[in-house]
Amino acid sequence: MLIDAHFHADDLAEAWPEFPEAYRRLPAFGIAGVHDGAGLARTRALLASAGPWRLSFGLHPQLPVMDEADTLASLAAAGELFALGECGFDFYGDAPGRVRDEPNLRRQSAVFEFQLELAERHGLPVILHLRRATDLLFRYAARLAKLPAVILHGWAGPPNEAEAFLHRCPSAFFSFGTGLLNGNKRAAASVARLPPSALLTESDAPFQPPRAAPEPGSPLVRAFSSFEDLPRIEAYMAELKGMAPEALHERLVESFMKLGQR
């Protein structure tokens, strides 16, 4: 059972329509994230026969608007969500709405705090998306620590920041994907230093394609990521930890199954 702590089924289907069958064959178990009502309907239809999966719904910081707030609140109140997110902050600066200035900070903060309040009210884990916003992660650490789990999706920060946040928020899990395969040295250093119990794997499918072919001489690299990348991610993480791959795999599955439990 491969663990995919964060993927987007509706977007993956556009790149790879046959993926539900592949998902069932592996098998994989993950959290399918959606951001709107249309994506929710497509995701449920796609994964109805694809094997075990969990649902998250969030207002993404790259589009910090409240258009889907009522849908999100209704799903949370009805107990239909495993987690809330992805939510958080994005100030990468590659679009006007992501430049870190006071208006954008206020806008993203308002949307995030709405979701954090929902998570607190309903006792839900959150999946965090953070780019150039680690200081804000620490600003909210005390509140996040009270949640059942905090999944830092696609963690790319240095190990000292990961360890410091884990100290403040023991329910934190750091999720790693193809960024590791693509040579992110800070992510690799974080994997090496964090305890195995704080690690998860993810594909962020289809948005993080690997830059290198799986094996020498193999065909051109796919233009999308998928849960088929997870075995290589796991193997590299085991190497970084100095662990047998089977031992790390058992810890990843154990951690995923315990998500949301206190």
Protein backbone atom coordinates (compact mmCIF):
# COMPACT_ATOMS: atom_id res chain seq x y z
CA MET A 1 0.00 0.00 0.00
CA LEU A 2 1.61 3.23 -1.20
CA ILE A 3 0.84 6.43 0.70
CA ASP A 4 -0.11 9.55 -1.27
CA ALA A 5 -0.87 12.20 1.32
CA HIS A 6 -1.83 14.81 -1.27
CA PHE A 7 -3.04 14.51 -4.87
CA HIS A 8 -5.68 16.03 -7.15
CA ALA A 9 -7.77 13.33 -8.80
CA ASP A 10 -9.81 15.63 -11.02
CA ASP A 11 -6.73 17.36 -12.45
CA LEU A 12 -4.83 14.10 -12.82
CA ALA A 13 -7.69 12.66 -14.89
CA GLU A 14 -7.21 15.37 -17.49
CA ALA A 15 -3.62 14.23 -18.04
CA TRP A 16 -4.17 10.52 -17.46
CA PRO A 17 -7.80 9.38 -17.88
CA GLU A 18 -6.99 5.76 -16.97
CA PHE A 19 -5.49 6.55 -13.58
CA PRO A 20 -8.31 5.09 -11.37
CA GLU A 21 -7.49 1.59 -12.62
CA ALA A 22 -3.77 2.14 -12.02
CA TYR A 23 -4.54 3.52 -8.55
CA ARG A 24 -6.42 0.34 -7.69
CA ARG A 25 -3.72 -1.96 -9.12
CA LEU A 26 -0.79 -0.58 -7.12
CA PRO A 27 -2.64 -0.18 -4.67
CA ALA A 28 -2.42 3.36 -3.35
CA PHE A 29 -4.12 5.07 -0.43
CA GLY A 30 -4.24 8.82 -0.25
CA ILE A 31 -5.96 12.11 0.35
CA ALA A 32 -7.65 13.59 -2.71
CA GLY A 33 -7.74 17.37 -2.50
CA VAL A 34 -10.35 19.55 -4.16
CA HIS A 35 -11.07 23.29 -4.21
CA ASP A 36 -14.56 23.70 -5.63
CA GLY A 37 -17.89 21.97 -6.01
CA ALA A 38 -17.26 20.88 -9.59
CA GLY A 39 -13.95 19.31 -8.64
CA LEU A 40 -15.64 17.56 -5.73
CA ALA A 41 -18.20 15.91 -7.99
CA ARG A 42 -15.54 14.80 -10.50
CA THR A 43 -13.30 13.46 -7.74
CA ARG A 44 -16.04 11.37 -6.19
CA ALA A 45 -16.98 9.92 -9.56
CA LEU A 46 -13.37 9.13 -10.51
CA LEU A 47 -12.47 7.44 -7.25
CA ALA A 48 -15.74 5.62 -6.59
CA SER A 49 -14.14 2.34 -7.68
CA ALA A 50 -10.47 3.17 -7.34
CA GLY A 51 -9.84 1.80 -3.87
CA PRO A 52 -9.42 3.51 -0.49
CA TRP A 53 -9.03 7.26 -0.37
CA ARG A 54 -9.87 10.22 1.84
CA LEU A 55 -11.19 13.65 0.96
CA SER A 56 -9.89 17.13 1.69
CA PHE A 57 -11.43 20.39 0.57
CA GLY A 58 -9.79 23.79 0.86
CA LEU A 59 -9.63 27.35 -0.36
CA HIS A 60 -6.22 27.51 -2.03
CA PRO A 61 -4.00 30.51 -1.23
CA GLN A 62 -3.26 31.00 -4.92
CA LEU A 63 -6.92 31.95 -5.30
CA PRO A 64 -7.81 33.41 -1.88
CA VAL A 65 -11.51 34.05 -2.40
CA MET A 66 -14.54 32.93 -0.42
CA ASP A 67 -16.70 31.74 -3.34
CA GLU A 68 -16.67 28.14 -2.06
CA ALA A 69 -16.75 28.99 1.66
CA ASP A 70 -20.34 27.81 2.14
CA THR A 71 -19.60 24.50 0.41
CA LEU A 72 -16.54 23.99 2.58
CA ALA A 73 -18.40 24.83 5.78
CA SER A 74 -21.26 22.47 4.87
CA LEU A 75 -18.92 19.57 4.10
CA ALA A 76 -17.04 20.08 7.36
CA ALA A 77 -20.23 20.29 9.42
CA ALA A 78 -21.64 17.17 7.76
CA GLY A 79 -18.53 15.14 8.63
CA GLU A 80 -17.71 14.50 4.97
CA LEU A 81 -14.09 15.71 5.14
CA PHE A 82 -11.06 13.87 6.41
CA ALA A 83 -9.00 17.07 6.29
CA LEU A 84 -9.28 20.74 5.48
CA GLY A 85 -7.05 22.10 2.76
CA GLU A 86 -4.90 22.60 1.07
CA CYS A 87 -4.88 26.01 2.65
CA GLY A 88 -2.19 28.41 3.78
CA PHE A 89 -0.08 31.14 2.20
CA ASP A 90 1.64 31.62 -1.13
CA PHE A 91 3.93 34.61 -1.69
CA TYR A 92 6.13 33.18 -4.39
CA GLY A 93 5.74 36.41 -6.35
CA ASP A 94 5.01 34.86 -9.74
CA ALA A 95 1.62 36.63 -9.96
CA PRO A 96 0.32 39.98 -8.68
CA GLY A 97 -1.82 38.27 -6.05
CA ARG A 98 1.21 36.48 -4.63
CA VAL A 99 3.50 39.43 -4.09
CA ARG A 100 3.95 39.77 -0.35
CA ASP A 101 2.43 43.14 0.34
CA GLU A 102 -0.10 44.26 2.92
CA PRO A 103 -3.26 43.81 0.81
CA ASN A 104 -2.30 40.29 -0.26
CA LEU A 105 -1.29 39.36 3.28
CA ARG A 106 -4.65 40.54 4.62
CA ARG A 107 -6.54 38.68 1.88
CA GLN A 108 -4.71 35.40 2.33
CA SER A 109 -4.83 35.67 6.12
CA ALA A 110 -8.60 36.15 6.14
CA VAL A 111 -9.17 33.08 3.96
CA PHE A 112 -6.73 30.98 5.99
CA GLU A 113 -8.18 32.01 9.35
CA PHE A 114 -11.68 31.13 8.17
CA GLN A 115 -10.44 27.62 7.41
CA LEU A 116 -8.42 27.33 10.60
CA GLU A 117 -11.52 28.20 12.61
CA LEU A 118 -13.47 25.48 10.79
CA ALA A 119 -10.74 22.96 11.53
CA GLU A 120 -10.77 23.95 15.20
CA ARG A 121 -14.56 23.76 15.42
CA HIS A 122 -14.85 20.33 13.79
CA GLY A 123 -11.59 18.77 14.98
CA LEU A 124 -10.16 18.30 11.50
CA PRO A 125 -6.55 17.93 10.33
CA VAL A 126 -5.28 20.59 7.93
CA ILE A 127 -3.10 20.29 4.84
CA LEU A 128 -0.86 23.34 4.53
CA HIS A 129 0.49 24.94 1.37
CA LEU A 130 3.31 27.37 2.18
CA ARG A 131 5.60 29.32 -0.12
CA ARG A 132 7.77 32.08 1.31
CA ALA A 133 5.59 32.10 4.40
CA THR A 134 7.39 30.05 7.05
CA ASP A 135 7.20 32.93 9.51
CA LEU A 136 3.41 32.72 9.28
CA LEU A 137 3.56 29.00 10.02
CA PHE A 138 5.22 29.81 13.35
CA ARG A 139 2.76 32.64 14.00
CA TYR A 140 -0.07 30.11 13.98
CA ALA A 141 1.86 27.27 15.65
CA ALA A 142 -0.02 27.39 18.96
CA ARG A 143 -3.40 27.04 17.26
CA LEU A 144 -2.21 24.43 14.79
CA ALA A 145 -0.80 22.34 17.62
CA LYS A 146 -4.33 21.83 18.97
CA LEU A 147 -5.53 20.15 15.77
CA PRO A 148 -5.48 16.36 15.30
CA ALA A 149 -2.81 16.65 12.59
CA VAL A 150 -1.03 19.22 10.45
CA ILE A 151 0.30 17.99 7.10
CA LEU A 152 2.93 20.29 5.60
CA HIS A 153 2.43 19.41 1.96
CA GLY A 154 5.51 19.40 -0.28
CA TRP A 155 7.84 20.51 2.51
CA ALA A 156 10.84 22.26 0.95
CA GLY A 157 12.23 24.09 3.96
CA PRO A 158 15.46 23.50 5.86
CA PRO A 159 15.70 20.93 8.64
CA ASN A 160 16.15 23.47 11.45
CA GLU A 161 12.78 25.04 10.63
CA ALA A 162 11.14 21.62 10.36
CA GLU A 163 12.52 20.55 13.73
CA ALA A 164 11.55 23.83 15.37
CA PHE A 165 7.97 23.56 14.13
CA LEU A 166 7.70 19.89 15.12
CA HIS A 167 8.80 20.90 18.64
CA ARG A 168 5.97 23.43 18.79
CA CYS A 169 3.45 21.25 16.98
CA PRO A 170 4.04 17.54 17.76
CA SER A 171 1.07 16.60 15.56
CA ALA A 172 2.90 17.87 12.46
CA PHE A 173 3.73 15.62 9.51
CA PHE A 174 6.12 16.69 6.76
CA SER A 175 5.09 15.35 3.36
CA PHE A 176 7.66 14.90 0.59
CA GLY A 177 7.18 14.32 -3.12
CA THR A 178 9.04 14.63 -6.40
CA GLY A 179 10.88 17.71 -5.14
CA LEU A 180 13.24 15.19 -3.58
CA LEU A 181 13.77 13.44 -6.91
CA ASN A 182 14.29 16.82 -8.56
CA GLY A 183 17.22 17.64 -6.29
CA ASN A 184 15.80 19.85 -3.50
CA LYS A 185 18.69 19.73 -1.03
CA ARG A 186 16.82 21.39 1.82
CA ALA A 187 14.01 18.84 1.56
CA ALA A 188 16.55 16.00 1.52
CA ALA A 189 18.25 17.39 4.62
CA SER A 190 14.88 17.61 6.37
CA VAL A 191 14.11 13.97 5.57
CA ALA A 192 17.48 12.94 6.95
CA ARG A 193 16.98 14.74 10.28
CA LEU A 194 13.29 14.39 11.02
CA PRO A 195 12.05 11.31 12.90
CA PRO A 196 10.41 8.68 10.70
CA SER A 197 7.16 9.17 12.62
CA ALA A 198 6.91 12.73 11.22
CA LEU A 199 7.30 11.76 7.54
CA LEU A 200 4.76 11.20 4.79
CA THR A 201 4.95 10.77 1.02
CA GLU A 202 2.88 12.47 -1.67
CA SER A 203 2.71 12.94 -5.43
CA ASP A 204 0.83 16.28 -5.59
CA ALA A 205 -0.37 14.76 -8.87
CA PRO A 206 -0.38 16.04 -11.49
CA PHE A 207 1.45 19.25 -10.58
CA GLN A 208 5.00 18.15 -9.72
CA PRO A 209 6.42 16.18 -12.67
CA PRO A 210 9.78 14.50 -12.11
CA ARG A 211 12.57 16.02 -14.15
CA ALA A 212 14.48 12.78 -14.68
CA ALA A 213 13.36 9.54 -16.27
CA PRO A 214 12.68 6.69 -13.80
CA GLU A 215 15.44 4.53 -15.27
CA PRO A 216 18.30 5.11 -17.71
CA GLY A 217 17.10 4.63 -21.26
CA SER A 218 13.42 4.85 -20.36
CA PRO A 219 11.04 6.95 -22.48
CA LEU A 220 10.65 10.68 -22.10
CA VAL A 221 9.59 11.92 -18.70
CA ARG A 222 5.87 12.38 -18.16
CA ALA A 223 4.54 15.93 -18.09
CA PHE A 224 2.77 15.18 -14.82
CA SER A 225 3.38 13.52 -11.48
CA SER A 226 1.38 10.56 -10.20
CA PHE A 227 1.35 7.99 -7.42
CA GLU A 228 3.56 5.84 -9.67
CA ASP A 229 6.40 8.15 -8.54
CA LEU A 230 5.91 7.13 -4.91
CA PRO A 231 8.16 4.02 -4.90
CA ARG A 232 11.17 6.11 -6.00
CA ILE A 233 10.34 8.80 -3.46
CA GLU A 234 10.12 6.19 -0.71
CA ALA A 235 13.36 4.52 -1.77
CA TYR A 236 15.27 7.80 -1.73
CA MET A 237 13.83 8.73 1.66
CA ALA A 238 14.93 5.36 3.06
CA GLU A 239 18.42 6.00 1.70
CA LEU A 240 18.51 9.43 3.32
CA LYS A 241 17.37 7.95 6.64
CA GLY A 242 19.76 4.99 6.46
CA MET A 243 16.77 2.69 6.87
CA ALA A 244 15.70 -0.47 5.11
CA PRO A 245 13.03 0.50 2.56
CA GLU A 246 10.59 -1.99 4.10
CA ALA A 247 11.05 -0.47 7.56
CA LEU A 248 10.42 3.06 6.34
CA HIS A 249 7.40 1.91 4.34
CA GLU A 250 5.86 0.41 7.47
CA ARG A 251 6.36 3.68 9.34
CA LEU A 252 4.79 5.71 6.52
CA VAL A 253 1.71 3.49 6.44
CA GLU A 254 1.46 3.55 10.23
CA SER A 255 1.69 7.35 10.34
CA PHE A 256 -0.93 7.76 7.61
CA MET A 257 -3.37 5.42 9.33
CA LYS A 258 -2.99 7.39 12.56
CA LEU A 259 -3.64 10.78 10.95
CA GLY A 260 -6.36 12.61 12.79
CA GLN A 261 -6.11 10.43 15.89
CA ARG A 262 -5.14 11.82 19.28
